[in-house]
């Protein structure tokens, strides 16, 4: 049974809202991980004897942040983008061409890939600062 035009438009609106919500959640997760990394660095200055604990915590926070961003991206691609694609297909080729085409999954991965690289670099820098330099430098 084909999807009615109005129903397809409503599904498209819901899918777009869900995609925006997931992207906002990814940004919140990204900023939270960076804030925690910075907090660990500040706390480390007062507890030099616990250097390895702070290094492990920093590594754990970086990995957890990467996992959160990856899982949100998988959910986005598997559920919401699939729903949007089906709604667009139900609306027809003219609507899709006016829309600008159907999103390709490789284009939607630009943000998570950049975020994961920045988180990796941030985690590595935090760990290097904890291992190599005296706290007076930061």
Foldseek 3Di string as FASTA:
>chain_A
DADDLVRLVVLLVVLVVLLVVLVVVLVVLLVVLLVVLVVLLVVCLVPLVCLVVSLVVLVVSLVVSLVSNVVSLVCSVPPSLVSNVSSQVSNHDVSQVVVVHRDDSVVVCPVSVVSNVVSVVSSVVSSCCSPPHRSVVD
